[in-house]
Protein backbone atom coordinates (compact mmCIF):
# COMPACT_ATOMS: atom_id res chain seq x y z
CA UNK A 1 27.69 28.07 40.86
CA UNK A 2 26.59 29.38 37.45
CA UNK A 3 24.46 26.13 36.80
CA UNK A 4 22.79 25.83 40.00
CA UNK A 5 23.84 22.60 40.78
CA UNK A 6 26.62 22.44 43.64
CA UNK A 7 30.06 20.79 44.00
CA UNK A 8 28.56 18.29 46.73
CA UNK A 9 25.24 17.12 44.67
CA UNK A 10 27.64 16.50 41.66
CA UNK A 11 29.92 14.26 43.78
CA UNK A 12 26.91 12.36 45.44
CA UNK A 13 25.55 11.47 42.01
CA UNK A 14 29.11 10.32 40.59
CA UNK A 15 30.02 8.72 43.62
CA UNK A 16 26.08 6.94 43.42
CA UNK A 17 26.58 6.24 39.71
CA UNK A 18 30.45 4.81 40.38
CA UNK A 19 28.69 2.41 43.44
CA UNK A 20 26.09 1.13 40.88
CA UNK A 21 28.55 0.10 38.47
CA UNK A 22 30.88 -1.92 41.29
CA UNK A 23 30.25 -5.55 41.85
CA UNK A 24 29.42 -5.38 45.48
CA UNK A 25 26.48 -7.19 47.17
CA UNK A 26 24.99 -3.69 47.86
CA UNK A 27 25.22 -2.19 44.46
CA UNK A 28 23.56 -5.51 43.49
CA UNK A 29 20.80 -5.08 45.86
CA UNK A 30 20.24 -1.43 44.85
CA UNK A 31 20.45 -2.59 41.08
CA UNK A 32 17.55 -5.05 41.98
CA UNK A 33 15.56 -2.54 43.81
CA UNK A 34 15.67 0.06 41.15
CA UNK A 35 14.35 -2.27 38.58
CA UNK A 36 11.65 -3.38 41.06
CA UNK A 37 10.52 0.04 41.35
CA UNK A 38 10.73 0.71 37.51
CA UNK A 39 8.69 -2.23 36.12
CA UNK A 40 12.13 -3.57 34.71
CA UNK A 41 13.94 -7.29 34.63
CA UNK A 42 15.30 -7.74 38.33
CA UNK A 43 17.85 -9.95 37.11
CA UNK A 44 20.03 -9.93 33.74
CA UNK A 45 17.97 -11.79 30.92
CA UNK A 46 19.38 -13.99 28.18
CA UNK A 47 17.94 -12.85 24.82
CA UNK A 48 15.71 -16.10 24.57
CA UNK A 49 14.21 -15.13 27.81
CA UNK A 50 13.85 -11.35 27.02
CA UNK A 51 11.88 -12.79 23.88
CA UNK A 52 9.89 -14.64 25.90
CA UNK A 53 9.26 -11.66 28.41
CA UNK A 54 8.71 -9.31 25.54
CA UNK A 55 6.14 -11.58 24.08
CA UNK A 56 4.26 -12.16 27.55
CA UNK A 57 4.06 -8.29 27.95
CA UNK A 58 2.17 -7.38 25.05
CA UNK A 59 -1.33 -7.98 24.14
CA UNK A 60 -2.53 -11.23 23.06
CA UNK A 61 -3.18 -11.66 19.77
CA UNK A 62 -6.86 -12.88 20.11
CA UNK A 63 -7.79 -9.57 21.40
CA UNK A 64 -6.25 -7.54 18.72
CA UNK A 65 -8.79 -6.02 15.75
CA UNK A 66 -6.32 -7.29 13.03
CA UNK A 67 -6.22 -10.84 14.34
CA UNK A 68 -9.95 -10.75 14.80
CA UNK A 69 -11.13 -9.31 11.21
CA UNK A 70 -8.41 -11.27 9.51
CA UNK A 71 -11.12 -12.76 7.43
CA UNK A 72 -13.72 -10.00 7.29
CA UNK A 73 -17.32 -10.65 6.36
CA UNK A 74 -17.16 -14.57 5.61
CA UNK A 75 -20.58 -15.23 7.27
CA UNK A 76 -21.90 -12.29 5.22
CA UNK A 77 -20.30 -13.30 2.23
CA UNK A 78 -21.65 -16.83 2.05
CA UNK A 79 -25.30 -15.24 2.89
CA UNK A 80 -24.57 -13.28 -0.47
CA UNK A 81 -23.51 -16.48 -2.25
CA UNK A 82 -26.66 -18.13 -0.62
CA UNK A 83 -28.95 -15.35 -2.09
CA UNK A 84 -27.40 -15.18 -5.51
CA UNK A 85 -27.70 -19.12 -6.02
CA UNK A 86 -31.14 -18.77 -4.92
CA UNK A 87 -31.78 -16.50 -7.51
CA UNK A 88 -30.19 -18.54 -10.11
CA UNK A 89 -27.06 -15.91 -10.58
CA UNK A 90 -24.32 -18.49 -8.97
CA UNK A 91 -23.97 -22.03 -9.34
CA UNK A 92 -22.69 -24.02 -6.12
CA UNK A 93 -22.06 -27.28 -7.40
CA UNK A 94 -21.24 -28.75 -3.89
CA UNK A 95 -24.51 -27.32 -2.75
CA UNK A 96 -26.18 -28.75 -5.87
CA UNK A 97 -24.74 -32.08 -4.83
CA UNK A 98 -25.93 -31.87 -1.32
CA UNK A 99 -29.41 -31.24 -2.48
CA UNK A 100 -29.40 -34.08 -4.88
CA UNK A 101 -28.06 -36.58 -2.47
CA UNK A 102 -30.92 -35.23 -0.03
CA UNK A 103 -33.43 -35.65 -2.82
CA UNK A 104 -32.52 -39.42 -3.33
CA UNK A 105 -32.58 -39.92 0.24
CA UNK A 106 -36.31 -38.83 0.50
CA UNK A 107 -36.82 -40.91 -2.49
CA UNK A 108 -35.62 -44.05 -1.10
CA UNK A 109 -37.53 -43.20 2.23
CA UNK A 110 -34.24 -42.55 4.42
CA UNK A 111 -34.38 -38.99 4.52
CA UNK A 112 -32.60 -37.01 7.84
CA UNK A 113 -34.94 -35.77 10.19
CA UNK A 114 -34.40 -34.42 13.30
CA UNK A 115 -37.36 -33.72 16.24
CA UNK A 116 -36.28 -30.44 16.58
CA UNK A 117 -36.78 -29.70 13.01
CA UNK A 118 -40.22 -27.82 12.15
CA UNK A 119 -42.11 -29.72 9.11
CA UNK A 120 -38.61 -31.83 8.50
CA UNK A 121 -37.00 -28.92 7.39
CA UNK A 122 -33.50 -27.67 9.11
CA UNK A 123 -33.71 -24.00 10.68
CA UNK A 124 -32.10 -21.22 8.60
CA UNK A 125 -29.08 -19.63 10.04
CA UNK A 126 -29.89 -15.96 10.51
CA UNK A 127 -27.01 -13.64 9.42
CA UNK A 128 -26.48 -10.11 11.73
CA UNK A 129 -23.95 -8.15 9.38
CA UNK A 130 -20.93 -7.08 11.63
CA UNK A 131 -19.66 -4.43 8.95
CA UNK A 132 -21.70 -1.52 7.44
């Protein structure tokens, strides 16, 4: 008994593993119970179902930081471009076109104005930087 394991214990381990490999109802029930205890799949899975199982088991992509910050600082960049345009350092042709159309609408007397706007001006969006 140099290894500390008796011959009877080795026989029990061998016969248990041999029993688990058999195709009997008892062995199948024990395999299912073992899988249930250890959080594994109870029944054998195909490759497609295993892929689906693994996909549902991992964290949703919408919660991962990599997914959330894929386009970092979009609003901050837009705010920076607006400030540069106000200083005359950046030319936004689409915004220039929209401003010109608005100016022509006002001249024709068909300006868009909502009741919630103060002094006929749309409210400014306030950007709070997410990144430092």
